[in-house]
Amino acid sequence: MRELVIEYWNKRKNINYLPVSIGIVYLWFGALKFFSGVSPAEELAKSTIERLIFGILPSTYSIILLAIWETLIGILLIANIYRKAALRMALVHILFTFSPFLFFPELLFSQTPFGLTLLGQYIIKNVIILGVLLVLLKEGQPSKY
């Protein structure tokens, strides 16, 4: 019995809280997109996706697909399953979140180039998530030495 308790605590000490915390953010933001009008980024996300896929999919479907994508990333990271795939999915997603800076700069800047609107700040915080994703992906790679 003592060995089981020790094993449990040793496993618990080794929890990497970075993927869990990023997973919570993805799950939360993704879940909001399932409910129309709840996510502050919903309209920007719809417009951005429309530009990225040349309008071939109605925005009502594209926002649901984005919600599924984000919640799936969140669940996988929190559950610590298919972690490498989840991190790659998140990396693809997070890179696309910067595309509104190209498509809709008037919505993101109050004073170019540094004065961001609240929407611009909402996006620029993804730099932190991008950094964490890159660290986590690198962590999973075998060392060259």
Protein backbone atom coordinates (compact mmCIF):
# COMPACT_ATOMS: atom_id res chain seq x y z
CA MET A 1 0.00 0.00 0.00
CA ARG A 2 2.81 2.38 0.91
CA GLU A 3 4.41 1.83 -2.52
CA LEU A 4 1.15 2.74 -4.27
CA VAL A 5 0.90 5.99 -2.31
CA ILE A 6 4.52 6.86 -3.10
CA GLU A 7 3.99 6.06 -6.79
CA TYR A 8 0.85 8.21 -6.86
CA TRP A 9 2.64 11.22 -5.34
CA ASN A 10 5.64 10.79 -7.62
CA LYS A 11 3.38 10.82 -10.66
CA ARG A 12 1.51 13.82 -9.29
CA LYS A 13 4.75 15.76 -8.79
CA ASN A 14 5.60 15.24 -12.46
CA ILE A 15 2.47 16.92 -13.80
CA ASN A 16 3.44 19.59 -16.29
CA TYR A 17 1.08 22.45 -15.55
CA LEU A 18 1.88 24.34 -18.77
CA PRO A 19 -0.12 22.09 -21.12
CA VAL A 20 -2.95 21.90 -18.59
CA SER A 21 -3.16 25.68 -18.27
CA ILE A 22 -3.02 26.19 -22.04
CA GLY A 23 -5.62 23.42 -22.37
CA ILE A 24 -7.96 25.24 -19.99
CA VAL A 25 -7.68 28.42 -22.07
CA TYR A 26 -8.38 26.50 -25.29
CA LEU A 27 -11.30 24.62 -23.77
CA TRP A 28 -12.84 27.79 -22.33
CA PHE A 29 -12.43 29.95 -25.44
CA GLY A 30 -13.56 27.11 -27.70
CA ALA A 31 -16.65 26.39 -25.61
CA LEU A 32 -17.70 30.05 -25.79
CA LYS A 33 -17.80 29.82 -29.58
CA PHE A 34 -20.54 27.18 -29.47
CA PHE A 35 -22.94 29.88 -28.23
CA SER A 36 -23.62 32.72 -30.64
CA GLY A 37 -22.80 36.17 -29.28
CA VAL A 38 -20.90 34.95 -26.20
CA SER A 39 -17.28 35.04 -27.45
CA PRO A 40 -15.84 38.55 -27.81
CA ALA A 41 -13.78 37.31 -30.76
CA GLU A 42 -16.65 35.61 -32.61
CA GLU A 43 -17.20 38.17 -35.37
CA LEU A 44 -13.48 38.66 -35.94
CA ALA A 45 -12.99 34.88 -36.07
CA LYS A 46 -15.81 34.51 -38.60
CA SER A 47 -14.44 37.31 -40.80
CA THR A 48 -10.90 35.98 -40.60
CA ILE A 49 -11.90 32.43 -41.47
CA GLU A 50 -13.99 33.72 -44.35
CA ARG A 51 -10.92 35.51 -45.73
CA LEU A 52 -8.63 32.53 -45.15
CA ILE A 53 -10.91 30.03 -46.91
CA PHE A 54 -12.19 32.47 -49.56
CA GLY A 55 -15.78 32.27 -48.32
CA ILE A 56 -16.34 28.65 -49.38
CA LEU A 57 -17.95 27.76 -46.04
CA PRO A 58 -20.74 29.73 -44.35
CA SER A 59 -19.60 31.47 -41.16
CA THR A 60 -22.20 29.62 -39.08
CA TYR A 61 -20.38 26.38 -39.89
CA SER A 62 -16.85 27.76 -39.73
CA ILE A 63 -17.31 29.10 -36.19
CA ILE A 64 -18.60 25.70 -35.02
CA LEU A 65 -15.61 23.97 -36.64
CA LEU A 66 -13.32 26.44 -34.87
CA ALA A 67 -15.11 25.75 -31.58
CA ILE A 68 -14.63 22.00 -32.08
CA TRP A 69 -10.96 22.50 -33.00
CA GLU A 70 -10.26 24.63 -29.92
CA THR A 71 -12.17 22.47 -27.45
CA LEU A 72 -10.51 19.34 -28.82
CA ILE A 73 -7.08 20.90 -28.30
CA GLY A 74 -8.10 21.85 -24.78
CA ILE A 75 -9.39 18.40 -23.89
CA LEU A 76 -6.33 16.64 -25.31
CA LEU A 77 -3.92 18.92 -23.45
CA ILE A 78 -5.78 18.69 -20.15
CA ALA A 79 -6.11 14.90 -20.40
CA ASN A 80 -2.49 14.61 -21.55
CA ILE A 81 -3.39 12.33 -24.46
CA TYR A 82 -2.09 12.66 -28.02
CA ARG A 83 -0.05 15.54 -26.64
CA LYS A 84 2.23 15.97 -29.66
CA ALA A 85 -0.75 16.08 -32.03
CA ALA A 86 -2.58 18.51 -29.74
CA LEU A 87 0.46 20.79 -29.58
CA ARG A 88 0.80 20.76 -33.36
CA MET A 89 -2.93 21.51 -33.75
CA ALA A 90 -2.56 24.36 -31.27
CA LEU A 91 0.50 25.71 -33.08
CA VAL A 92 -1.38 25.81 -36.39
CA HIS A 93 -4.32 27.50 -34.68
CA ILE A 94 -2.25 30.07 -32.81
CA LEU A 95 -0.34 31.08 -35.93
CA PHE A 96 -3.61 31.77 -37.74
CA THR A 97 -4.84 33.92 -34.85
CA PHE A 98 -2.34 36.58 -35.94
CA SER A 99 -3.78 36.85 -39.47
CA PRO A 100 -6.29 39.58 -38.50
CA PHE A 101 -3.29 41.91 -38.20
CA LEU A 102 -2.95 41.54 -41.98
CA PHE A 103 -6.65 41.48 -42.84
CA PHE A 104 -8.20 43.94 -40.37
CA PRO A 105 -5.55 46.28 -38.91
CA GLU A 106 -8.17 49.03 -38.53
CA LEU A 107 -9.96 46.88 -35.94
CA LEU A 108 -6.82 46.07 -33.99
CA PHE A 109 -4.96 49.38 -33.74
CA SER A 110 -6.09 52.59 -32.12
CA GLN A 111 -2.75 54.21 -33.01
CA THR A 112 -0.50 52.37 -35.42
CA PRO A 113 1.94 50.69 -34.79
CA PHE A 114 1.77 50.28 -31.01
CA GLY A 115 -1.63 51.43 -29.77
CA LEU A 116 -3.77 48.30 -29.72
CA THR A 117 -7.52 48.17 -29.32
CA LEU A 118 -8.96 45.69 -26.83
CA LEU A 119 -9.39 43.25 -29.73
CA GLY A 120 -5.74 43.75 -30.70
CA GLN A 121 -4.68 43.08 -27.12
CA TYR A 122 -6.85 39.96 -27.12
CA ILE A 123 -4.83 38.67 -30.07
CA ILE A 124 -1.36 39.85 -29.04
CA LYS A 125 -1.58 37.87 -25.78
CA ASN A 126 -1.28 34.81 -28.02
CA VAL A 127 2.46 35.55 -28.23
CA ILE A 128 2.68 34.01 -24.74
CA ILE A 129 0.73 30.93 -25.82
CA LEU A 130 2.92 30.63 -28.92
CA GLY A 131 6.05 30.68 -26.75
CA VAL A 132 4.68 28.02 -24.42
CA LEU A 133 3.66 25.80 -27.34
CA LEU A 134 7.14 26.03 -28.84
CA VAL A 135 8.74 25.15 -25.49
CA LEU A 136 6.40 22.18 -25.03
CA LEU A 137 7.04 20.93 -28.56
CA LYS A 138 10.78 21.24 -28.06
CA GLU A 139 10.48 19.46 -24.71
CA GLY A 140 9.05 16.42 -26.48
CA GLN A 141 11.93 16.24 -28.99
CA PRO A 142 14.88 13.96 -28.34
CA SER A 143 18.07 15.79 -27.38
CA LYS A 144 20.94 15.96 -29.88
CA TYR A 145 23.51 15.50 -27.13
